[in-house]
Amino acid sequence: MRRDLVLRVLAQLLIPGMMLFALYVQFHGELGPGGGFQAGVIAAAAIVFYALIFGLPAARRLLPDAVVESMLAAGVFLYASVGLAGLVLGGNYLDYFVLSADSVHGQERGIFWVEAGVAITVSGTMLKIFYLFAGRTRDP
């Protein structure tokens, strides 16, 4: 597939739109369907699509294994940090109301950062699974 010009051009047109749609789903998740999980899967699907068209080595150059593994840890760390911030500020774990003087804004901030952590973790997990399966070789 690497030599198919139509697929390569189509991928170059679609992948930025897929990433933009992932951001839209992430930032509008609390207002409608979507959120961190869906945004993470859409972003990972864009990278998988890139790998299918341009090859796995090109995808690994674009997003190396070390970055993908760091995404796994960073997303969980972000999620846990929001929970710990609630404890430090005198509330319960994942108590968003204490994150701002105005409880509504605290709730919005807390949900935003938790959903960002979920998106990062889900995207990293999906890509790690894809890299592991796609990188396997057959034993003779």
Protein backbone atom coordinates (compact mmCIF):
# COMPACT_ATOMS: atom_id res chain seq x y z
CA MET A 1 0.00 0.00 0.00
CA ARG A 2 2.95 2.31 0.37
CA ARG A 3 2.95 3.11 -3.33
CA ASP A 4 -0.74 3.80 -3.72
CA LEU A 5 -0.83 7.55 -4.31
CA VAL A 6 -4.60 7.87 -3.89
CA LEU A 7 -4.54 6.28 -0.43
CA ARG A 8 -1.57 8.38 0.65
CA VAL A 9 -3.20 11.64 -0.43
CA LEU A 10 -6.51 10.60 1.11
CA ALA A 11 -4.77 9.77 4.38
CA GLN A 12 -3.02 13.14 4.42
CA LEU A 13 -6.40 14.80 4.04
CA LEU A 14 -8.30 12.66 6.55
CA ILE A 15 -5.82 12.28 9.42
CA PRO A 16 -5.74 15.98 10.44
CA GLY A 17 -9.55 15.97 10.37
CA MET A 18 -9.62 12.87 12.56
CA MET A 19 -7.32 14.52 15.10
CA LEU A 20 -9.41 17.68 15.03
CA PHE A 21 -12.55 15.63 15.59
CA ALA A 22 -10.85 13.90 18.54
CA LEU A 23 -10.19 17.33 20.06
CA TYR A 24 -13.80 18.34 19.43
CA VAL A 25 -15.08 15.19 21.16
CA GLN A 26 -12.69 15.81 24.05
CA PHE A 27 -13.63 19.43 24.63
CA HIS A 28 -17.38 19.00 24.11
CA GLY A 29 -17.76 15.71 25.96
CA GLU A 30 -19.55 17.24 28.92
CA LEU A 31 -22.07 18.94 26.64
CA GLY A 32 -23.02 15.91 24.57
CA PRO A 33 -21.89 12.42 23.64
CA GLY A 34 -18.17 11.98 23.94
CA GLY A 35 -15.40 12.61 26.36
CA GLY A 36 -11.99 11.27 27.16
CA PHE A 37 -12.49 7.66 26.17
CA GLN A 38 -14.00 8.42 22.79
CA ALA A 39 -11.45 11.14 22.04
CA GLY A 40 -8.58 8.82 22.93
CA VAL A 41 -9.88 6.08 20.65
CA ILE A 42 -10.39 8.49 17.74
CA ALA A 43 -6.86 9.91 18.13
CA ALA A 44 -5.39 6.40 18.28
CA ALA A 45 -7.43 5.38 15.23
CA ALA A 46 -5.85 8.26 13.30
CA ILE A 47 -2.37 6.93 14.11
CA VAL A 48 -3.41 3.36 13.27
CA PHE A 49 -4.76 4.62 9.94
CA TYR A 50 -1.43 6.36 9.35
CA ALA A 51 0.39 3.10 10.09
CA LEU A 52 -1.81 1.14 7.72
CA ILE A 53 -1.15 3.54 4.85
CA PHE A 54 2.48 4.55 5.43
CA GLY A 55 3.74 1.49 7.31
CA LEU A 56 4.40 0.60 10.92
CA PRO A 57 7.99 1.93 10.92
CA ALA A 58 6.72 5.35 9.79
CA ALA A 59 4.12 5.36 12.56
CA ARG A 60 6.77 4.41 15.10
CA ARG A 61 8.91 7.32 13.89
CA LEU A 62 5.91 9.64 14.19
CA LEU A 63 4.99 8.37 17.67
CA PRO A 64 7.80 6.22 19.12
CA ASP A 65 7.21 3.43 21.62
CA ALA A 66 8.76 5.49 24.41
CA VAL A 67 6.24 8.29 23.83
CA VAL A 68 3.33 5.83 23.76
CA GLU A 69 4.47 4.22 27.01
CA SER A 70 4.91 7.67 28.56
CA MET A 71 1.33 8.48 27.56
CA LEU A 72 0.13 5.52 29.62
CA ALA A 73 1.84 6.79 32.74
CA ALA A 74 1.10 10.48 32.13
CA GLY A 75 -2.63 9.95 31.74
CA VAL A 76 -2.92 7.93 34.93
CA PHE A 77 -0.74 10.47 36.74
CA LEU A 78 -2.93 13.35 35.57
CA TYR A 79 -6.10 11.54 36.67
CA ALA A 80 -4.63 10.70 40.07
CA SER A 81 -3.29 14.24 40.49
CA VAL A 82 -6.77 15.71 40.17
CA GLY A 83 -7.94 13.35 42.89
CA LEU A 84 -5.02 14.22 45.14
CA ALA A 85 -5.60 17.94 44.55
CA GLY A 86 -9.07 17.45 46.03
CA LEU A 87 -7.54 15.85 49.12
CA VAL A 88 -4.89 18.56 49.49
CA LEU A 89 -7.51 21.29 49.24
CA GLY A 90 -9.60 19.76 52.02
CA GLY A 91 -12.12 17.69 50.09
CA ASN A 92 -12.44 14.04 49.21
CA TYR A 93 -10.55 12.18 46.52
CA LEU A 94 -11.82 13.43 43.14
CA ASP A 95 -13.92 16.07 44.88
CA TYR A 96 -14.01 18.73 42.18
CA PHE A 97 -15.93 21.32 44.18
CA VAL A 98 -12.83 22.38 46.12
CA LEU A 99 -10.78 23.10 43.00
CA SER A 100 -12.17 26.63 42.73
CA ALA A 101 -13.86 29.19 44.97
CA ASP A 102 -16.91 28.81 42.73
CA SER A 103 -18.00 25.18 42.97
CA VAL A 104 -19.37 25.12 39.41
CA HIS A 105 -16.01 26.21 37.96
CA GLY A 106 -14.24 23.69 40.19
CA GLN A 107 -16.47 20.96 38.85
CA GLU A 108 -15.75 22.02 35.26
CA ARG A 109 -11.99 22.14 35.85
CA GLY A 110 -11.93 18.79 37.59
CA ILE A 111 -13.93 17.04 34.90
CA PHE A 112 -11.79 18.61 32.17
CA TRP A 113 -8.51 17.36 33.66
CA VAL A 114 -9.87 13.92 34.51
CA GLU A 115 -11.18 13.51 30.97
CA ALA A 116 -7.83 14.69 29.57
CA GLY A 117 -6.11 12.01 31.64
CA VAL A 118 -8.54 9.39 30.37
CA ALA A 119 -7.98 10.47 26.74
CA ILE A 120 -4.20 10.29 27.07
CA THR A 121 -4.32 6.88 28.76
CA VAL A 122 -6.82 5.37 26.33
CA SER A 123 -4.95 6.65 23.29
CA GLY A 124 -1.66 5.32 24.61
CA THR A 125 -3.20 1.95 25.48
CA MET A 126 -4.80 1.51 22.07
CA LEU A 127 -1.56 2.44 20.31
CA LYS A 128 0.53 0.14 22.52
CA ILE A 129 -1.80 -2.77 21.76
CA PHE A 130 -1.64 -1.97 18.04
CA TYR A 131 2.16 -1.68 18.05
CA LEU A 132 2.48 -5.02 19.86
CA PHE A 133 0.16 -6.89 17.51
CA ALA A 134 1.30 -5.20 14.31
CA GLY A 135 4.97 -5.65 15.15
CA ARG A 136 4.74 -9.41 15.67
CA THR A 137 6.54 -11.64 13.24
CA ARG A 138 5.62 -15.18 12.31
CA ASP A 139 7.80 -17.94 13.60
CA PRO A 140 8.89 -20.42 10.93
